Amino acid sequence: MRKNVSKDYTFDDYLSKQMKDKEFVKKWEELQPELQVMRIMADARSYRDLTQKELSKRSGIDQSEISRIESGTRNPSFRLLNRLAKAMDMDLVIRFVPNDQK
């Protein structure tokens, strides 16, 4: 039987509760680079007002592959990310940022 979940219980509420668990925090922090790639990729495509299908046509990369990158089920190579960046008329920039400058 399903528990009744309040409509006011959001993902942020859930995340806030989970962030009290040190093991969860460790795993969450390990995933941040991949989550950033997902967000940045989708944001860049949106900024250029492109659908996944349009980006696929421009880059020669299957739309399903682009979808997997944006959903986090595919960990793309730098070469693949660079192809996508070029297809969006953008440059791929990767940086190491000291922790004290975040």
PDB file of N, CA and C in Angstrom:
ATOM      1  N   MET A   1       0.841  -1.185   0.000  1.00  0.00           N
ATOM      2  CA  MET A   1       0.000   0.000   0.000  1.00  0.00           C
ATOM      3  C   MET A   1       0.884   1.246   0.000  1.00  0.00           C
ATOM      4  N   ARG A   2       0.522   2.220  -0.806  1.00  0.00           N
ATOM      5  CA  ARG A   2       1.303   3.452  -0.912  1.00  0.00           C
ATOM      6  C   ARG A   2       1.033   4.376   0.252  1.00  0.00           C
ATOM      7  N   LYS A   3       2.107   5.005   0.689  1.00  0.00           N
ATOM      8  CA  LYS A   3       1.973   6.039   1.712  1.00  0.00           C
ATOM      9  C   LYS A   3       1.452   7.304   1.068  1.00  0.00           C
ATOM     10  N   ASN A   4       0.639   8.026   1.783  1.00  0.00           N
ATOM     11  CA  ASN A   4       0.202   9.322   1.300  1.00  0.00           C
ATOM     12  C   ASN A   4       1.346  10.309   1.455  1.00  0.00           C
ATOM     13  N   VAL A   5       1.754  10.920   0.365  1.00  0.00           N
ATOM     14  CA  VAL A   5       2.836  11.902   0.401  1.00  0.00           C
ATOM     15  C   VAL A   5       2.216  13.278   0.237  1.00  0.00           C
ATOM     16  N   SER A   6       2.583  14.161   1.128  1.00  0.00           N
ATOM     17  CA  SER A   6       2.067  15.524   1.069  1.00  0.00           C
ATOM     18  C   SER A   6       2.467  16.183  -0.240  1.00  0.00           C
ATOM     19  N   LYS A   7       1.559  16.914  -0.840  1.00  0.00           N
ATOM     20  CA  LYS A   7       1.853  17.620  -2.081  1.00  0.00           C
ATOM     21  C   LYS A   7       2.880  18.724  -1.860  1.00  0.00           C
ATOM     22  N   ASP A   8       3.052  19.130  -0.619  1.00  0.00           N
ATOM     23  CA  ASP A   8       3.991  20.196  -0.309  1.00  0.00           C
ATOM     24  C   ASP A   8       5.411  19.685  -0.076  1.00  0.00           C
ATOM     25  N   TYR A   9       5.603  18.388  -0.113  1.00  0.00           N
ATOM     26  CA  TYR A   9       6.922  17.799   0.110  1.00  0.00           C
ATOM     27  C   TYR A   9       7.674  17.821  -1.214  1.00  0.00           C
ATOM     28  N   THR A  10       8.713  18.631  -1.288  1.00  0.00           N
ATOM     29  CA  THR A  10       9.435  18.830  -2.543  1.00  0.00           C
ATOM     30  C   THR A  10      10.754  18.073  -2.552  1.00  0.00           C
ATOM     31  N   PHE A  11      11.371  18.066  -3.717  1.00  0.00           N
ATOM     32  CA  PHE A  11      12.692  17.464  -3.832  1.00  0.00           C
ATOM     33  C   PHE A  11      13.676  18.173  -2.908  1.00  0.00           C
ATOM     34  N   ASP A  12      13.563  19.491  -2.814  1.00  0.00           N
ATOM     35  CA  ASP A  12      14.454  20.251  -1.924  1.00  0.00           C
ATOM     36  C   ASP A  12      14.284  19.819  -0.474  1.00  0.00           C
ATOM     37  N   ASP A  13      13.050  19.532  -0.077  1.00  0.00           N
ATOM     38  CA  ASP A  13      12.805  19.023   1.278  1.00  0.00           C
ATOM     39  C   ASP A  13      13.511  17.686   1.472  1.00  0.00           C
ATOM     40  N   TYR A  14      13.345  16.819   0.494  1.00  0.00           N
ATOM     41  CA  TYR A  14      13.976  15.496   0.549  1.00  0.00           C
ATOM     42  C   TYR A  14      15.494  15.625   0.607  1.00  0.00           C
ATOM     43  N   LEU A  15      16.042  16.460  -0.281  1.00  0.00           N
ATOM     44  CA  LEU A  15      17.491  16.641  -0.324  1.00  0.00           C
ATOM     45  C   LEU A  15      18.011  17.212   0.984  1.00  0.00           C
ATOM     46  N   SER A  16      17.320  18.185   1.532  1.00  0.00           N
ATOM     47  CA  SER A  16      17.720  18.782   2.800  1.00  0.00           C
ATOM     48  C   SER A  16      17.803  17.723   3.902  1.00  0.00           C
ATOM     49  N   LYS A  17      16.832  16.847   3.932  1.00  0.00           N
ATOM     50  CA  LYS A  17      16.826  15.765   4.925  1.00  0.00           C
ATOM     51  C   LYS A  17      17.990  14.802   4.682  1.00  0.00           C
ATOM     52  N   GLN A  18      18.220  14.447   3.426  1.00  0.00           N
ATOM     53  CA  GLN A  18      19.291  13.511   3.102  1.00  0.00           C
ATOM     54  C   GLN A  18      20.682  14.078   3.376  1.00  0.00           C
ATOM     55  N   MET A  19      20.822  15.400   3.249  1.00  0.00           N
ATOM     56  CA  MET A  19      22.126  16.034   3.440  1.00  0.00           C
ATOM     57  C   MET A  19      22.593  15.976   4.893  1.00  0.00           C
ATOM     58  N   LYS A  20      21.773  15.489   5.776  1.00  0.00           N
ATOM     59  CA  LYS A  20      22.176  15.294   7.166  1.00  0.00           C
ATOM     60  C   LYS A  20      22.914  13.970   7.350  1.00  0.00           C
ATOM     61  N   ASP A  21      22.845  13.125   6.336  1.00  0.00           N
ATOM     62  CA  ASP A  21      23.504  11.814   6.359  1.00  0.00           C
ATOM     63  C   ASP A  21      24.882  11.945   5.699  1.00  0.00           C
ATOM     64  N   LYS A  22      25.956  11.736   6.462  1.00  0.00           N
ATOM     65  CA  LYS A  22      27.326  11.933   5.962  1.00  0.00           C
ATOM     66  C   LYS A  22      27.637  11.056   4.756  1.00  0.00           C
ATOM     67  N   GLU A  23      27.139   9.840   4.738  1.00  0.00           N
ATOM     68  CA  GLU A  23      27.388   8.935   3.612  1.00  0.00           C
ATOM     69  C   GLU A  23      26.694   9.443   2.347  1.00  0.00           C
ATOM     70  N   PHE A  24      25.478   9.950   2.510  1.00  0.00           N
ATOM     71  CA  PHE A  24      24.756  10.531   1.382  1.00  0.00           C
ATOM     72  C   PHE A  24      25.513  11.743   0.843  1.00  0.00           C
ATOM     73  N   VAL A  25      25.972  12.607   1.737  1.00  0.00           N
ATOM     74  CA  VAL A  25      26.704  13.810   1.326  1.00  0.00           C
ATOM     75  C   VAL A  25      27.944  13.433   0.526  1.00  0.00           C
ATOM     76  N   LYS A  26      28.648  12.416   0.984  1.00  0.00           N
ATOM     77  CA  LYS A  26      29.850  11.965   0.272  1.00  0.00           C
ATOM     78  C   LYS A  26      29.499  11.528  -1.153  1.00  0.00           C
ATOM     79  N   LYS A  27      28.467  10.723  -1.311  1.00  0.00           N
ATOM     80  CA  LYS A  27      28.046  10.257  -2.641  1.00  0.00           C
ATOM     81  C   LYS A  27      27.551  11.423  -3.492  1.00  0.00           C
ATOM     82  N   TRP A  28      26.792  12.332  -2.879  1.00  0.00           N
ATOM     83  CA  TRP A  28      26.271  13.498  -3.591  1.00  0.00           C
ATOM     84  C   TRP A  28      27.417  14.340  -4.153  1.00  0.00           C
ATOM     85  N   GLU A  29      28.428  14.569  -3.349  1.00  0.00           N
ATOM     86  CA  GLU A  29      29.573  15.376  -3.788  1.00  0.00           C
ATOM     87  C   GLU A  29      30.352  14.681  -4.894  1.00  0.00           C
ATOM     88  N   GLU A  30      30.429  13.360  -4.847  1.00  0.00           N
ATOM     89  CA  GLU A  30      31.111  12.610  -5.903  1.00  0.00           C
ATOM     90  C   GLU A  30      30.398  12.752  -7.247  1.00  0.00           C
ATOM     91  N   LEU A  31      29.097  12.924  -7.218  1.00  0.00           N
ATOM     92  CA  LEU A  31      28.300  13.031  -8.449  1.00  0.00           C
ATOM     93  C   LEU A  31      28.260  14.432  -9.046  1.00  0.00           C
ATOM     94  N   GLN A  32      28.702  15.438  -8.315  1.00  0.00           N
ATOM     95  CA  GLN A  32      28.554  16.815  -8.767  1.00  0.00           C
ATOM     96  C   GLN A  32      29.176  17.106 -10.133  1.00  0.00           C
ATOM     97  N   PRO A  33      30.380  16.626 -10.445  1.00  0.00           N
ATOM     98  CA  PRO A  33      30.908  16.915 -11.785  1.00  0.00           C
ATOM     99  C   PRO A  33      30.007  16.377 -12.899  1.00  0.00           C
ATOM    100  N   GLU A  34      29.472  15.183 -12.730  1.00  0.00           N
ATOM    101  CA  GLU A  34      28.583  14.620 -13.745  1.00  0.00           C
ATOM    102  C   GLU A  34      27.276  15.401 -13.827  1.00  0.00           C
ATOM    103  N   LEU A  35      26.745  15.796 -12.686  1.00  0.00           N
ATOM    104  CA  LEU A  35      25.509  16.570 -12.677  1.00  0.00           C
ATOM    105  C   LEU A  35      25.719  17.933 -13.340  1.00  0.00           C
ATOM    106  N   GLN A  36      26.888  18.510 -13.140  1.00  0.00           N
ATOM    107  CA  GLN A  36      27.195  19.791 -13.779  1.00  0.00           C
ATOM    108  C   GLN A  36      27.243  19.644 -15.294  1.00  0.00           C
ATOM    109  N   VAL A  37      27.836  18.559 -15.781  1.00  0.00           N
ATOM    110  CA  VAL A  37      27.888  18.328 -17.228  1.00  0.00           C
ATOM    111  C   VAL A  37      26.469  18.242 -17.784  1.00  0.00           C
ATOM    112  N   MET A  38      25.602  17.521 -17.096  1.00  0.00           N
ATOM    113  CA  MET A  38      24.210  17.395 -17.536  1.00  0.00           C
ATOM    114  C   MET A  38      23.538  18.759 -17.623  1.00  0.00           C
ATOM    115  N   ARG A  39      23.667  19.543 -16.547  1.00  0.00           N
ATOM    116  CA  ARG A  39      23.017  20.856 -16.504  1.00  0.00           C
ATOM    117  C   ARG A  39      23.595  21.805 -17.557  1.00  0.00           C
ATOM    118  N   ILE A  40      24.910  21.836 -17.650  1.00  0.00           N
ATOM    119  CA  ILE A  40      25.570  22.756 -18.583  1.00  0.00           C
ATOM    120  C   ILE A  40      25.216  22.412 -20.019  1.00  0.00           C
ATOM    121  N   MET A  41      25.198  21.129 -20.322  1.00  0.00           N
ATOM    122  CA  MET A  41      24.872  20.684 -21.675  1.00  0.00           C
ATOM    123  C   MET A  41      23.452  21.124 -22.051  1.00  0.00           C
ATOM    124  N   ALA A  42      22.497  20.844 -21.185  1.00  0.00           N
ATOM    125  CA  ALA A  42      21.104  21.221 -21.459  1.00  0.00           C
ATOM    126  C   ALA A  42      20.948  22.735 -21.517  1.00  0.00           C
ATOM    127  N   ASP A  43      21.629  23.449 -20.623  1.00  0.00           N
ATOM    128  CA  ASP A  43      21.545  24.915 -20.614  1.00  0.00           C
ATOM    129  C   ASP A  43      22.135  25.515 -21.892  1.00  0.00           C
ATOM    130  N   ALA A  44      23.255  24.975 -22.348  1.00  0.00           N
ATOM    131  CA  ALA A  44      23.893  25.491 -23.565  1.00  0.00           C
ATOM    132  C   ALA A  44      22.984  25.268 -24.774  1.00  0.00           C
ATOM    133  N   ARG A  45      22.399  24.099 -24.858  1.00  0.00           N
ATOM    134  CA  ARG A  45      21.491  23.792 -25.969  1.00  0.00           C
ATOM    135  C   ARG A  45      20.281  24.719 -25.926  1.00  0.00           C
ATOM    136  N   SER A  46      19.739  24.925 -24.738  1.00  0.00           N
ATOM    137  CA  SER A  46      18.599  25.813 -24.568  1.00  0.00           C
ATOM    138  C   SER A  46      18.979  27.257 -24.914  1.00  0.00           C
ATOM    139  N   TYR A  47      20.163  27.679 -24.503  1.00  0.00           N
ATOM    140  CA  TYR A  47      20.648  29.033 -24.800  1.00  0.00           C
ATOM    141  C   TYR A  47      20.677  29.274 -26.305  1.00  0.00           C
ATOM    142  N   ARG A  48      21.050  28.254 -27.053  1.00  0.00           N
ATOM    143  CA  ARG A  48      21.095  28.363 -28.516  1.00  0.00           C
ATOM    144  C   ARG A  48      19.733  28.078 -29.153  1.00  0.00           C
ATOM    145  N   ASP A  49      18.736  27.836 -28.299  1.00  0.00           N
ATOM    146  CA  ASP A  49      17.371  27.585 -28.754  1.00  0.00           C
ATOM    147  C   ASP A  49      17.312  26.400 -29.724  1.00  0.00           C
ATOM    148  N   LEU A  50      18.006  25.327 -29.343  1.00  0.00           N
ATOM    149  CA  LEU A  50      18.051  24.118 -30.161  1.00  0.00           C
ATOM    150  C   LEU A  50      17.337  22.971 -29.471  1.00  0.00           C
ATOM    151  N   THR A  51      16.644  22.171 -30.239  1.00  0.00           N
ATOM    152  CA  THR A  51      16.118  20.918 -29.706  1.00  0.00           C
ATOM    153  C   THR A  51      17.227  19.885 -29.776  1.00  0.00           C
ATOM    154  N   GLN A  52      17.027  18.782 -29.089  1.00  0.00           N
ATOM    155  CA  GLN A  52      18.010  17.700 -29.183  1.00  0.00           C
ATOM    156  C   GLN A  52      18.131  17.226 -30.632  1.00  0.00           C
ATOM    157  N   LYS A  53      17.018  17.177 -31.321  1.00  0.00           N
ATOM    158  CA  LYS A  53      17.025  16.732 -32.720  1.00  0.00           C
ATOM    159  C   LYS A  53      17.847  17.681 -33.593  1.00  0.00           C
ATOM    160  N   GLU A  54      17.676  18.985 -33.384  1.00  0.00           N
ATOM    161  CA  GLU A  54      18.436  19.964 -34.160  1.00  0.00           C
ATOM    162  C   GLU A  54      19.929  19.867 -33.857  1.00  0.00           C
ATOM    163  N   LEU A  55      20.261  19.698 -32.585  1.00  0.00           N
ATOM    164  CA  LEU A  55      21.673  19.550 -32.214  1.00  0.00           C
ATOM    165  C   LEU A  55      22.246  18.273 -32.806  1.00  0.00           C
ATOM    166  N   SER A  56      21.452  17.240 -32.832  1.00  0.00           N
ATOM    167  CA  SER A  56      21.877  15.981 -33.437  1.00  0.00           C
ATOM    168  C   SER A  56      22.234  16.182 -34.907  1.00  0.00           C
ATOM    169  N   LYS A  57      21.376  16.886 -35.603  1.00  0.00           N
ATOM    170  CA  LYS A  57      21.614  17.142 -37.030  1.00  0.00           C
ATOM    171  C   LYS A  57      22.888  17.960 -37.245  1.00  0.00           C
ATOM    172  N   ARG A  58      23.084  18.977 -36.409  1.00  0.00           N
ATOM    173  CA  ARG A  58      24.277  19.831 -36.530  1.00  0.00           C
ATOM    174  C   ARG A  58      25.571  19.101 -36.182  1.00  0.00           C
ATOM    175  N   SER A  59      25.496  18.208 -35.193  1.00  0.00           N
ATOM    176  CA  SER A  59      26.716  17.574 -34.672  1.00  0.00           C
ATOM    177  C   SER A  59      27.012  16.207 -35.279  1.00  0.00           C
ATOM    178  N   GLY A  60      25.980  15.587 -35.853  1.00  0.00           N
ATOM    179  CA  GLY A  60      26.148  14.231 -36.361  1.00  0.00           C
ATOM    180  C   GLY A  60      26.109  13.184 -35.258  1.00  0.00           C
ATOM    181  N   ILE A  61      25.658  13.582 -34.084  1.00  0.00           N
ATOM    182  CA  ILE A  61      25.552  12.673 -32.934  1.00  0.00           C
ATOM    183  C   ILE A  61      24.075  12.338 -32.750  1.00  0.00           C
ATOM    184  N   ASP A  62      23.776  11.065 -32.592  1.00  0.00           N
ATOM    185  CA  ASP A  62      22.387  10.633 -32.455  1.00  0.00           C
ATOM    186  C   ASP A  62      21.667  11.396 -31.350  1.00  0.00           C
ATOM    187  N   GLN A  63      20.409  11.724 -31.613  1.00  0.00           N
ATOM    188  CA  GLN A  63      19.590  12.416 -30.620  1.00  0.00           C
ATOM    189  C   GLN A  63      19.499  11.604 -29.343  1.00  0.00           C
ATOM    190  N   SER A  64      19.424  10.286 -29.460  1.00  0.00           N
ATOM    191  CA  SER A  64      19.336   9.442 -28.267  1.00  0.00           C
ATOM    192  C   SER A  64      20.598   9.557 -27.411  1.00  0.00           C
ATOM    193  N   GLU A  65      21.738   9.745 -28.051  1.00  0.00           N
ATOM    194  CA  GLU A  65      23.000   9.938 -27.329  1.00  0.00           C
ATOM    195  C   GLU A  65      22.985  11.267 -26.576  1.00  0.00           C
ATOM    196  N   ILE A  66      22.481  12.312 -27.210  1.00  0.00           N
ATOM    197  CA  ILE A  66      22.367  13.616 -26.562  1.00  0.00           C
ATOM    198  C   ILE A  66      21.426  13.516 -25.366  1.00  0.00           C
ATOM    199  N   SER A  67      20.334  12.816 -25.537  1.00  0.00           N
ATOM    200  CA  SER A  67      19.383  12.615 -24.445  1.00  0.00           C
ATOM    201  C   SER A  67      20.037  11.889 -23.274  1.00  0.00           C
ATOM    202  N   ARG A  68      20.840  10.871 -23.560  1.00  0.00           N
ATOM    203  CA  ARG A  68      21.517  10.120 -22.490  1.00  0.00           C
ATOM    204  C   ARG A  68      22.525  11.003 -21.747  1.00  0.00           C
ATOM    205  N   ILE A  69      23.193  11.879 -22.458  1.00  0.00           N
ATOM    206  CA  ILE A  69      24.140  12.799 -21.805  1.00  0.00           C
ATOM    207  C   ILE A  69      23.379  13.727 -20.864  1.00  0.00           C
ATOM    208  N   GLU A  70      22.287  14.306 -21.366  1.00  0.00           N
ATOM    209  CA  GLU A  70      21.522  15.264 -20.574  1.00  0.00           C
ATOM    210  C   GLU A  70      20.790  14.618 -19.405  1.00  0.00           C
ATOM    211  N   SER A  71      20.502  13.333 -19.501  1.00  0.00           N
ATOM    212  CA  SER A  71      19.806  12.655 -18.404  1.00  0.00           C
ATOM    213  C   SER A  71      20.780  11.989 -17.439  1.00  0.00           C
ATOM    214  N   GLY A  72      22.058  11.987 -17.802  1.00  0.00           N
ATOM    215  CA  GLY A  72      23.069  11.435 -16.907  1.00  0.00           C
ATOM    216  C   GLY A  72      23.289   9.943 -17.027  1.00  0.00           C
ATOM    217  N   THR A  73      22.734   9.326 -18.047  1.00  0.00           N
ATOM    218  CA  THR A  73      22.944   7.886 -18.218  1.00  0.00           C
ATOM    219  C   THR A  73      24.131   7.593 -19.124  1.00  0.00           C
ATOM    220  N   ARG A  74      24.764   8.639 -19.625  1.00  0.00           N
ATOM    221  CA  ARG A  74      25.948   8.493 -20.475  1.00  0.00           C
ATOM    222  C   ARG A  74      27.000   9.463 -19.990  1.00  0.00           C
ATOM    223  N   ASN A  75      28.202   8.969 -19.771  1.00  0.00           N
ATOM    224  CA  ASN A  75      29.324   9.808 -19.359  1.00  0.00           C
ATOM    225  C   ASN A  75      30.137  10.116 -20.617  1.00  0.00           C
ATOM    226  N   PRO A  76      29.980  11.311 -21.186  1.00  0.00           N
ATOM    227  CA  PRO A  76      30.603  11.616 -22.477  1.00  0.00           C
ATOM    228  C   PRO A  76      32.100  11.880 -22.372  1.00  0.00           C
ATOM    229  N   SER A  77      32.789  11.610 -23.458  1.00  0.00           N
ATOM    230  CA  SER A  77      34.216  11.916 -23.541  1.00  0.00           C
ATOM    231  C   SER A  77      34.378  13.415 -23.811  1.00  0.00           C
ATOM    232  N   PHE A  78      35.582  13.918 -23.594  1.00  0.00           N
ATOM    233  CA  PHE A  78      35.863  15.318 -23.912  1.00  0.00           C
ATOM    234  C   PHE A  78      35.701  15.547 -25.410  1.00  0.00           C
ATOM    235  N   ARG A  79      36.099  14.581 -26.197  1.00  0.00           N
ATOM    236  CA  ARG A  79      35.987  14.698 -27.656  1.00  0.00           C
ATOM    237  C   ARG A  79      34.515  14.877 -28.066  1.00  0.00           C
ATOM    238  N   LEU A  80      33.638  14.085 -27.465  1.00  0.00           N
ATOM    239  CA  LEU A  80      32.213  14.185 -27.773  1.00  0.00           C
ATOM    240  C   LEU A  80      31.649  15.534 -27.318  1.00  0.00           C
ATOM    241  N   LEU A  81      32.007  15.954 -26.122  1.00  0.00           N
ATOM    242  CA  LEU A  81      31.550  17.260 -25.634  1.00  0.00           C
ATOM    243  C   LEU A  81      32.050  18.389 -26.529  1.00  0.00           C
ATOM    244  N   ASN A  82      33.262  18.267 -27.005  1.00  0.00           N
ATOM    245  CA  ASN A  82      33.818  19.293 -27.885  1.00  0.00           C
ATOM    246  C   ASN A  82      33.055  19.344 -29.208  1.00  0.00           C
ATOM    247  N   ARG A  83      32.688  18.193 -29.759  1.00  0.00           N
ATOM    248  CA  ARG A  83      31.874  18.157 -30.992  1.00  0.00           C
ATOM    249  C   ARG A  83      30.537  18.848 -30.771  1.00  0.00           C
ATOM    250  N   LEU A  84      29.925  18.581 -29.634  1.00  0.00           N
ATOM    251  CA  LEU A  84      28.644  19.206 -29.331  1.00  0.00           C
ATOM    252  C   LEU A  84      28.807  20.718 -29.163  1.00  0.00           C
ATOM    253  N   ALA A  85      29.864  21.130 -28.486  1.00  0.00           N
ATOM    254  CA  ALA A  85      30.122  22.565 -28.311  1.00  0.00           C
ATOM    255  C   ALA A  85      30.287  23.249 -29.664  1.00  0.00           C
ATOM    256  N   LYS A  86      31.075  22.651 -30.534  1.00  0.00           N
ATOM    257  CA  LYS A  86      31.294  23.235 -31.864  1.00  0.00           C
ATOM    258  C   LYS A  86      29.983  23.324 -32.640  1.00  0.00           C
ATOM    259  N   ALA A  87      29.136  22.312 -32.513  1.00  0.00           N
ATOM    260  CA  ALA A  87      27.843  22.316 -33.210  1.00  0.00           C
ATOM    261  C   ALA A  87      26.924  23.422 -32.686  1.00  0.00           C
ATOM    262  N   MET A  88      27.172  23.873 -31.460  1.00  0.00           N
ATOM    263  CA  MET A  88      26.393  24.974 -30.879  1.00  0.00           C
ATOM    264  C   MET A  88      27.118  26.303 -31.026  1.00  0.00           C
ATOM    265  N   ASP A  89      28.216  26.301 -31.783  1.00  0.00           N
ATOM    266  CA  ASP A  89      29.046  27.490 -31.964  1.00  0.00           C
ATOM    267  C   ASP A  89      29.524  28.018 -30.616  1.00  0.00           C
ATOM    268  N   MET A  90      30.063  27.087 -29.831  1.00  0.00           N
ATOM    269  CA  MET A  90      30.595  27.395 -28.507  1.00  0.00           C
ATOM    270  C   MET A  90      31.946  26.720 -28.342  1.00  0.00           C
ATOM    271  N   ASP A  91      32.678  27.147 -27.338  1.00  0.00           N
ATOM    272  CA  ASP A  91      33.934  26.506 -26.963  1.00  0.00           C
ATOM    273  C   ASP A  91      33.727  25.701 -25.694  1.00  0.00           C
ATOM    274  N   LEU A  92      34.364  24.549 -25.625  1.00  0.00           N
ATOM    275  CA  LEU A  92      34.364  23.740 -24.413  1.00  0.00           C
ATOM    276  C   LEU A  92      35.511  24.222 -23.543  1.00  0.00           C
ATOM    277  N   VAL A  93      35.210  24.610 -22.305  1.00  0.00           N
ATOM    278  CA  VAL A  93      36.224  25.099 -21.375  1.00  0.00           C
ATOM    279  C   VAL A  93      36.144  24.248 -20.111  1.00  0.00           C
ATOM    280  N   ILE A  94      37.278  23.671 -19.733  1.00  0.00           N
ATOM    281  CA  ILE A  94      37.345  22.854 -18.521  1.00  0.00           C
ATOM    282  C   ILE A  94      38.367  23.507 -17.604  1.00  0.00           C
ATOM    283  N   ARG A  95      37.989  23.689 -16.326  1.00  0.00           N
ATOM    284  CA  ARG A  95      38.885  24.373 -15.402  1.00  0.00           C
ATOM    285  C   ARG A  95      39.008  23.586 -14.109  1.00  0.00           C
ATOM    286  N   PHE A  96      40.124  23.757 -13.462  1.00  0.00           N
ATOM    287  CA  PHE A  96      40.307  23.323 -12.085  1.00  0.00           C
ATOM    288  C   PHE A  96      40.239  24.590 -11.245  1.00  0.00           C
ATOM    289  N   VAL A  97      39.349  24.612 -10.271  1.00  0.00           N
ATOM    290  CA  VAL A  97      39.149  25.801  -9.435  1.00  0.00           C
ATOM    291  C   VAL A  97      39.521  25.439  -8.001  1.00  0.00           C
ATOM    292  N   PRO A  98      40.440  26.189  -7.399  1.00  0.00           N
ATOM    293  CA  PRO A  98      40.788  25.920  -6.003  1.00  0.00           C
ATOM    294  C   PRO A  98      39.550  25.990  -5.113  1.00  0.00           C
ATOM    295  N   ASN A  99      39.469  25.114  -4.142  1.00  0.00           N
ATOM    296  CA  ASN A  99      38.309  25.071  -3.237  1.00  0.00           C
ATOM    297  C   ASN A  99      38.037  26.398  -2.565  1.00  0.00           C
ATOM    298  N   ASP A 100      39.067  27.182  -2.281  1.00  0.00           N
ATOM    299  CA  ASP A 100      38.860  28.454  -1.585  1.00  0.00           C
ATOM    300  C   ASP A 100      38.367  29.557  -2.521  1.00  0.00           C
ATOM    301  N   GLN A 101      38.175  29.245  -3.817  1.00  0.00           N
ATOM    302  CA  GLN A 101      37.695  30.246  -4.765  1.00  0.00           C
ATOM    303  C   GLN A 101      36.321  29.899  -5.322  1.00  0.00           C
ATOM    304  N   LYS A 102      35.632  28.957  -4.709  1.00  0.00           N
ATOM    305  CA  LYS A 102      34.307  28.561  -5.187  1.00  0.00           C
ATOM    306  C   LYS A 102      33.282  29.607  -4.834  1.00  0.00           C
TER     307      LYS A 102
END
